[in-house]
C-alpha cells in the first residue's frame, strides 16, 4: 500500500532528537510558555523573515486572533477565496465579520486578484489570501489594492510553510507577505507537530504584543487583563518537536518539488488536469492536486491498486450546511474545482519506486 501520507515514517527520521527534546521538557517541569516555545518562535520568525512569531494552539486560532486583534467585527467585511478550506472562513465569521467570497483562478486554485476590486465596499477591512495547496499567491495586485483602499492583508499560510515569491529580486516567504499571517502545524502539514499547533507571524510590534496578550486570557502575563481574551498557546512539547523539524523543512520541500516535477512530466493521461505553478520557488506542494471529470471513479481505481488518495475538498464552503446563507451564490469555478479535485500521494519520504507506480496507475486509468 502506498500511503497518502506516512506520518510515522516522516517523524521517525527525527526520533532520537525529538526524544531528547521531549526529555528536556519533562525534566524542566515547565510545560507552557517556556524556553522551547521562545526558541521555536525566534527560529520560525527568522525562517519567515519576520520580526515576530507568536505560538498559538492551532491554525484557526491564529487567524481568529489576527482578526480579533484588529478589532474587526459586526458589519466589517473580509474578502476571502471561495474555494479555501473552511477554517479561513470560520475565522472571519467567528469574529462577527462577513466573509466576501471571491472565485479562484482555475489554473492555480489561488484567489483571482482580478476579481477582488469589484467586491470591495466601504465596509471592507481586509483581504485574506490563502496560499492554497502549498502555492504562494502572487501578491503585487493584492498589495496595490490594499494600498489603494487602505486594507489589511491577512495571510492564511497553513498549507505553505516555506513557499514564497520573488519581490524585486529578493525571495520572500509566506508569513512575510502581508500585515499578519496565520500558520497551522497540524501533523500533516509540511512542518507539522504531533498534535495541534499554530503561530502568527508579523512585523507589527503593536499587533504582536496585542495578539500575545489576547491569546493569554487578554493578560499582560501579570494578571492584568487588558482585553477580553482567550486561551491559545503552543505547548512546550509541540514547540520542541517543531524546532527539531524546522531545519529540515527546506530539504523536505525540495523532495516534494522533485516528486511534483516527476508527476507533471510523466502523467500523460488526457483525462487528468495537472496543477500549474507560477514558478518552482512559489510552490512547496503541501498536496498534489489533480482534476478529473470522473474523480470518484479515478479514486476507486487507485485504491484498487493500493494507492491512497484524498480529496481537498469535496464540498465548497458556500455549500456546507453551516453556511447555508451563501448557498444561493453562483460560484461556478469554485464548484467545478470541488467536484473534480483529488490529491495524489506526495511526501518527503516517498520512494522513487512509489512515485513511479503512482504515475503508472494514473496513466493506466
Protein backbone atom coordinates (compact mmCIF):
# COMPACT_ATOMS: atom_id res chain seq x y z
CA UNK A 1 0.00 0.00 0.00
CA UNK A 2 1.32 3.45 -0.94
CA UNK A 3 0.07 5.67 1.86
CA UNK A 4 -1.24 9.12 1.10
CA UNK A 5 0.96 10.47 3.90
CA UNK A 6 3.08 8.23 6.14
CA UNK A 7 3.36 10.37 9.27
CA UNK A 8 5.15 7.69 11.27
CA UNK A 9 7.87 7.40 8.64
CA UNK A 10 8.16 11.18 8.37
CA UNK A 11 8.67 11.64 12.10
CA UNK A 12 10.76 8.53 12.69
CA UNK A 13 13.65 10.22 10.88
CA UNK A 14 13.96 12.62 13.82
CA UNK A 15 13.08 10.18 16.60
CA UNK A 16 16.33 10.41 18.57
CA UNK A 17 16.44 14.21 18.57
CA UNK A 18 12.73 14.53 19.32
CA UNK A 19 13.05 12.11 22.24
CA UNK A 20 15.93 14.17 23.63
CA UNK A 21 14.00 17.43 23.36
CA UNK A 22 10.87 15.96 24.95
CA UNK A 23 13.05 14.73 27.80
CA UNK A 24 14.31 18.30 28.25
CA UNK A 25 10.72 19.46 28.59
CA UNK A 26 9.83 16.74 31.06
CA UNK A 27 12.96 17.36 33.12
CA UNK A 28 12.39 21.12 33.16
CA UNK A 29 8.99 20.85 34.81
CA UNK A 30 7.87 23.78 32.63
CA UNK A 31 5.24 22.87 30.04
CA UNK A 32 3.82 26.16 28.70
CA UNK A 33 5.39 29.47 27.63
CA UNK A 34 8.90 28.27 28.37
CA UNK A 35 12.26 28.12 26.65
CA UNK A 36 11.22 25.64 23.96
CA UNK A 37 8.44 27.95 22.84
CA UNK A 38 10.70 31.01 22.87
CA UNK A 39 13.37 29.19 20.86
CA UNK A 40 10.96 27.96 18.23
CA UNK A 41 9.28 31.36 17.94
CA UNK A 42 12.66 33.00 17.40
CA UNK A 43 13.73 30.44 14.80
CA UNK A 44 10.44 30.39 12.89
CA UNK A 45 10.31 34.19 12.75
CA UNK A 46 13.82 34.19 11.32
CA UNK A 47 12.85 31.50 8.81
CA UNK A 48 9.84 33.51 7.62
CA UNK A 49 11.81 36.77 7.67
CA UNK A 50 9.54 38.47 10.20
CA UNK A 51 10.17 40.31 13.45
CA UNK A 52 7.63 38.33 15.46
CA UNK A 53 6.23 34.84 15.81
CA UNK A 54 3.60 34.04 18.43
CA UNK A 55 2.95 30.35 19.05
CA UNK A 56 -0.75 29.52 19.46
CA UNK A 57 -2.88 26.40 19.83
CA UNK A 58 -3.79 25.83 16.17
CA UNK A 59 -4.12 27.46 12.77
CA UNK A 60 -7.76 28.50 13.19
CA UNK A 61 -6.86 30.29 16.40
CA UNK A 62 -4.02 32.06 14.59
CA UNK A 63 -6.44 33.59 12.08
CA UNK A 64 -9.03 34.27 14.78
CA UNK A 65 -6.51 36.15 16.87
CA UNK A 66 -5.34 38.32 13.98
CA UNK A 67 -8.89 39.41 13.18
CA UNK A 68 -9.71 39.92 16.86
CA UNK A 69 -6.56 41.97 17.44
CA UNK A 70 -7.52 44.29 14.58
CA UNK A 71 -10.90 44.78 16.33
CA UNK A 72 -12.82 43.82 13.22
CA UNK A 73 -16.39 42.82 13.98
CA UNK A 74 -20.05 43.15 13.07
CA UNK A 75 -20.58 44.97 9.80
CA UNK A 76 -16.98 44.55 8.68
CA UNK A 77 -16.22 42.56 5.53
CA UNK A 78 -13.18 40.45 4.79
CA UNK A 79 -12.51 39.21 1.27
CA UNK A 80 -11.53 35.53 1.08
CA UNK A 81 -11.18 32.93 -1.68
CA UNK A 82 -14.37 30.92 -2.18
CA UNK A 83 -12.58 27.58 -2.57
CA UNK A 84 -10.46 27.70 0.57
CA UNK A 85 -10.61 25.23 3.43
CA UNK A 86 -13.48 26.25 5.68
CA UNK A 87 -11.20 27.33 8.55
CA UNK A 88 -10.31 30.54 6.69
CA UNK A 89 -13.98 31.49 6.57
CA UNK A 90 -14.75 30.29 10.09
CA UNK A 91 -12.17 32.72 11.48
CA UNK A 92 -13.97 35.57 9.77
CA UNK A 93 -17.49 34.66 10.85
CA UNK A 94 -16.43 33.75 14.40
CA UNK A 95 -15.40 37.38 14.85
CA UNK A 96 -18.79 38.59 13.65
CA UNK A 97 -17.39 39.75 10.31
CA UNK A 98 -18.86 38.98 6.91
CA UNK A 99 -16.85 36.78 4.56
CA UNK A 100 -16.97 38.02 0.97
CA UNK A 101 -16.25 35.07 -1.31
CA UNK A 102 -14.14 35.59 -4.43
CA UNK A 103 -13.62 32.99 -7.14
CA UNK A 104 -10.16 31.45 -7.65
CA UNK A 105 -8.01 31.16 -10.74
CA UNK A 106 -8.90 27.77 -12.22
CA UNK A 107 -5.25 27.15 -13.13
CA UNK A 108 -3.60 27.82 -9.77
CA UNK A 109 -6.55 27.46 -7.34
CA UNK A 110 -5.47 30.64 -5.56
CA UNK A 111 -7.70 33.72 -5.35
CA UNK A 112 -8.13 35.53 -8.67
CA UNK A 113 -6.78 39.03 -7.97
CA UNK A 114 -8.62 40.45 -10.98
CA UNK A 115 -11.96 39.72 -9.28
CA UNK A 116 -11.21 41.36 -5.94
CA UNK A 117 -11.72 45.06 -6.60
CA UNK A 118 -15.35 44.67 -7.64
CA UNK A 119 -16.05 43.10 -4.24
CA UNK A 120 -14.57 45.97 -2.21
CA UNK A 121 -17.10 48.17 -0.39
CA UNK A 122 -16.85 50.87 2.30
CA UNK A 123 -17.21 48.02 4.81
CA UNK A 124 -14.21 46.06 3.54
CA UNK A 125 -11.45 45.88 6.14
CA UNK A 126 -9.07 43.22 4.84
CA UNK A 127 -8.15 40.80 2.10
CA UNK A 128 -7.36 37.31 3.33
CA UNK A 129 -5.12 35.48 0.89
CA UNK A 130 -4.82 31.71 1.20
CA UNK A 131 -1.68 30.08 -0.16
CA UNK A 132 -3.69 27.02 -1.07
CA UNK A 133 -2.18 23.56 -1.58
CA UNK A 134 1.30 25.00 -0.93
CA UNK A 135 1.48 27.67 -3.64
CA UNK A 136 2.17 31.28 -2.65
CA UNK A 137 -0.28 33.82 -4.01
CA UNK A 138 1.22 36.35 -6.43
CA UNK A 139 0.92 39.45 -4.29
CA UNK A 140 1.57 42.50 -6.46
CA UNK A 141 -2.08 43.20 -7.32
CA UNK A 142 -3.14 42.38 -3.75
CA UNK A 143 -0.67 44.87 -2.31
CA UNK A 144 -1.81 47.53 -4.79
CA UNK A 145 -5.47 47.08 -3.84
CA UNK A 146 -4.65 47.11 -0.13
CA UNK A 147 -2.79 50.38 -0.53
CA UNK A 148 -5.49 51.93 -2.71
CA UNK A 149 -8.32 51.11 -0.31
CA UNK A 150 -6.38 51.13 2.98
CA UNK A 151 -6.98 47.45 3.69
CA UNK A 152 -5.10 44.94 5.80
CA UNK A 153 -3.65 41.86 4.13
CA UNK A 154 -4.02 38.70 6.19
CA UNK A 155 -2.25 35.55 5.03
CA UNK A 156 -3.58 32.07 5.65
CA UNK A 157 -0.27 30.23 5.34
CA UNK A 158 -1.46 26.96 6.88
CA UNK A 159 -0.56 24.91 3.80
CA UNK A 160 2.52 26.72 2.55
CA UNK A 161 5.41 26.64 5.04
CA UNK A 162 8.49 27.69 3.09
CA UNK A 163 6.73 28.82 -0.09
CA UNK A 164 7.32 32.33 -1.33
CA UNK A 165 7.57 34.83 -4.14
CA UNK A 166 10.35 36.91 -5.67
CA UNK A 167 9.99 40.60 -4.88
CA UNK A 168 12.43 42.90 -6.67
CA UNK A 169 14.90 40.07 -6.95
CA UNK A 170 14.51 39.02 -3.31
CA UNK A 171 12.81 35.79 -2.28
CA UNK A 172 10.21 36.45 0.41
CA UNK A 173 8.47 33.61 2.19
CA UNK A 174 4.82 33.37 3.10
CA UNK A 175 4.28 34.72 6.57
CA UNK A 176 6.08 37.87 5.45
CA UNK A 177 3.83 38.87 2.54
CA UNK A 178 1.06 40.65 4.44
CA UNK A 179 0.35 42.52 7.64
CA UNK A 180 -0.01 39.28 9.58
CA UNK A 181 -0.10 35.58 8.82
CA UNK A 182 -1.65 32.52 10.42
CA UNK A 183 0.09 29.13 10.31
CA UNK A 184 -1.10 25.66 11.24
CA UNK A 185 1.26 22.94 12.44
CA UNK A 186 -1.29 20.14 12.22
CA UNK A 187 0.63 16.84 11.90
CA UNK A 188 0.04 16.53 8.16
CA UNK A 189 1.47 19.94 7.27
CA UNK A 190 4.87 20.38 5.62
CA UNK A 191 6.03 21.47 9.07
CA UNK A 192 3.85 19.50 11.44
CA UNK A 193 3.93 18.76 15.14
CA UNK A 194 2.49 15.71 16.92
CA UNK A 195 -0.80 17.25 17.92
CA UNK A 196 -2.29 20.65 17.27
CA UNK A 197 -0.27 23.81 17.00
CA UNK A 198 -0.18 27.13 15.20
CA UNK A 199 1.50 30.52 15.01
CA UNK A 200 1.06 34.12 13.97
CA UNK A 201 3.86 35.97 12.21
CA UNK A 202 4.00 39.73 11.74
CA UNK A 203 6.35 42.71 11.56
CA UNK A 204 3.91 44.88 13.51
CA UNK A 205 5.22 45.35 17.06
CA UNK A 206 1.92 46.60 18.48
CA UNK A 207 -0.12 43.84 16.83
CA UNK A 208 2.27 41.15 18.08
CA UNK A 209 2.02 42.43 21.66
CA UNK A 210 -1.75 42.55 21.46
CA UNK A 211 -2.08 39.04 19.98
CA UNK A 212 0.23 37.61 22.62
CA UNK A 213 -1.93 39.17 25.32
CA UNK A 214 -5.28 38.13 23.81
CA UNK A 215 -4.02 34.55 23.47
CA UNK A 216 -3.25 34.53 27.21
CA UNK A 217 -6.71 35.42 28.50
CA UNK A 218 -6.18 39.03 27.43
CA UNK A 219 -3.49 39.39 30.06
CA UNK A 220 -0.05 41.01 30.19
CA UNK A 221 1.13 37.83 31.99
CA UNK A 222 0.88 39.62 35.34
CA UNK A 223 -2.85 39.04 35.81
CA UNK A 224 -3.69 42.46 34.39
CA UNK A 225 -6.44 41.63 31.90
CA UNK A 226 -6.39 44.30 29.22
CA UNK A 227 -8.58 42.55 26.66
CA UNK A 228 -11.43 40.06 26.69
CA UNK A 229 -9.10 37.32 25.60
CA UNK A 230 -8.95 33.60 25.06
CA UNK A 231 -6.61 30.72 25.83
CA UNK A 232 -4.48 29.73 22.85
CA UNK A 233 -0.88 28.72 23.46
CA UNK A 234 1.64 26.42 21.78
CA UNK A 235 2.77 23.94 24.42
CA UNK A 236 6.43 23.22 25.12
CA UNK A 237 6.45 19.66 23.74
CA UNK A 238 4.96 20.69 20.39
CA UNK A 239 7.31 23.68 20.17
CA UNK A 240 10.27 21.39 20.82
CA UNK A 241 9.17 18.95 18.10
CA UNK A 242 8.68 21.77 15.60
CA UNK A 243 12.09 23.23 16.41
CA UNK A 244 13.70 19.86 15.70
CA UNK A 245 11.97 19.59 12.32
CA UNK A 246 12.32 23.21 11.16
CA UNK A 247 15.96 22.91 9.94
CA UNK A 248 14.88 20.05 7.66
CA UNK A 249 11.91 21.87 6.11
CA UNK A 250 13.67 23.21 3.03
CA UNK A 251 15.14 19.79 2.22
CA UNK A 252 11.74 18.15 2.66
CA UNK A 253 10.13 20.78 0.42
CA UNK A 254 12.82 20.16 -2.20
CA UNK A 255 11.89 16.47 -2.23
CA UNK A 256 8.24 17.40 -2.65
CA UNK A 257 9.23 19.53 -5.64
CA UNK A 258 11.13 16.59 -7.15
CA UNK A 259 8.06 14.38 -6.87
CA UNK A 260 5.75 17.07 -8.24
CA UNK A 261 8.10 17.62 -11.19
CA UNK A 262 8.09 13.88 -11.97
CA UNK A 263 4.29 13.75 -11.76
CA UNK A 264 3.88 16.77 -14.00
CA UNK A 265 6.33 15.48 -16.60
CA UNK A 266 5.17 11.87 -16.69
CA UNK A 267 1.41 11.79 -16.08
CA UNK A 268 0.10 11.73 -19.65
CA UNK A 269 -3.50 10.65 -19.16
CA UNK A 270 -5.71 13.08 -21.13
CA UNK A 271 -8.47 12.68 -18.51
CA UNK A 272 -6.24 14.28 -15.88
CA UNK A 273 -5.74 18.02 -15.44
CA UNK A 274 -2.39 18.64 -13.77
CA UNK A 275 -1.69 21.54 -11.39
CA UNK A 276 0.12 24.62 -12.64
CA UNK A 277 2.58 26.82 -10.83
CA UNK A 278 3.82 30.39 -11.19
CA UNK A 279 7.38 29.28 -10.55
CA UNK A 280 9.16 26.37 -8.91
CA UNK A 281 10.08 28.54 -5.91
CA UNK A 282 6.48 29.58 -5.29
CA UNK A 283 5.22 26.08 -4.52
CA UNK A 284 6.03 23.64 -1.72
CA UNK A 285 3.41 21.06 -2.77
CA UNK A 286 1.62 20.51 0.51
CA UNK A 287 -0.72 18.44 -1.63
CA UNK A 288 -0.51 17.49 -5.31
CA UNK A 289 -4.00 18.14 -6.63
CA UNK A 290 -5.22 16.86 -9.98
CA UNK A 291 -8.64 17.28 -11.54
CA UNK A 292 -10.73 14.66 -13.28
CA UNK A 293 -14.33 14.73 -14.55
CA UNK A 294 -14.97 11.30 -13.04
CA UNK A 295 -12.90 11.88 -9.92
CA UNK A 296 -14.65 9.26 -7.79
CA UNK A 297 -14.02 6.51 -10.34
CA UNK A 298 -10.36 7.53 -10.58
CA UNK A 299 -10.05 7.37 -6.81
CA UNK A 300 -11.53 3.86 -6.75
CA UNK A 301 -9.10 2.81 -9.50
CA UNK A 302 -6.16 3.99 -7.41
CA UNK A 303 -7.50 2.33 -4.26
CA UNK A 304 -7.86 -0.95 -6.16
CA UNK A 305 -4.16 -0.64 -6.96
CA UNK A 306 -3.17 0.00 -3.33
CA UNK A 307 -2.68 3.74 -3.64
CA UNK A 308 -4.28 6.00 -1.03
CA UNK A 309 -5.60 9.40 -2.11
CA UNK A 310 -7.56 12.22 -0.54
CA UNK A 311 -9.92 14.97 -1.66
CA UNK A 312 -9.12 18.58 -0.75
CA UNK A 313 -12.02 19.33 -0.53
CA UNK A 314 -15.23 17.56 -1.57
CA UNK A 315 -17.69 20.34 -0.71
CA UNK A 316 -17.28 24.07 -1.28
CA UNK A 317 -17.69 26.25 1.85
CA UNK A 318 -20.79 28.01 0.48
CA UNK A 319 -22.44 24.59 0.02
CA UNK A 320 -21.76 23.49 3.61
CA UNK A 321 -24.73 23.34 5.97
CA UNK A 322 -23.21 25.82 8.39
CA UNK A 323 -23.07 28.47 5.66
CA UNK A 324 -26.48 27.86 4.15
CA UNK A 325 -26.97 31.63 3.86
CA UNK A 326 -24.45 31.55 1.00
CA UNK A 327 -25.89 28.51 -0.80
CA UNK A 328 -27.61 30.73 -3.37
CA UNK A 329 -24.32 32.18 -4.63
CA UNK A 330 -23.22 31.34 -8.16
CA UNK A 331 -19.55 30.33 -7.91
CA UNK A 332 -19.07 28.02 -10.90
CA UNK A 333 -15.27 27.91 -10.83
CA UNK A 334 -15.24 27.02 -7.14
CA UNK A 335 -17.92 24.37 -7.60
CA UNK A 336 -16.09 22.84 -10.55
CA UNK A 337 -12.88 22.60 -8.53
CA UNK A 338 -14.55 20.92 -5.56
CA UNK A 339 -16.33 18.44 -7.85
CA UNK A 340 -13.17 17.38 -9.68
CA UNK A 341 -10.13 17.62 -7.39
CA UNK A 342 -8.22 14.69 -5.95
CA UNK A 343 -4.86 14.67 -4.19
CA UNK A 344 -2.18 12.12 -5.08
CA UNK A 345 0.37 10.90 -2.52
CA UNK A 346 3.28 13.29 -2.02
CA UNK A 347 5.69 13.47 0.89
CA UNK A 348 9.43 13.71 1.54
CA UNK A 349 9.61 10.01 2.46
CA UNK A 350 8.08 8.57 -0.71
CA UNK A 351 10.49 6.36 -2.65
CA UNK A 352 11.17 6.74 -6.35
CA UNK A 353 9.52 3.38 -6.97
CA UNK A 354 6.36 4.53 -5.19
CA UNK A 355 6.27 7.72 -7.24
CA UNK A 356 6.69 5.76 -10.47
CA UNK A 357 3.92 3.37 -9.52
CA UNK A 358 1.51 6.26 -8.89
CA UNK A 359 2.26 7.59 -12.37
CA UNK A 360 1.82 4.19 -13.97
CA UNK A 361 -1.51 3.57 -12.28
CA UNK A 362 -2.83 7.05 -13.10
CA UNK A 363 -1.79 6.67 -16.74
CA UNK A 364 -3.49 3.27 -16.90
CA UNK A 365 -6.86 4.72 -15.87
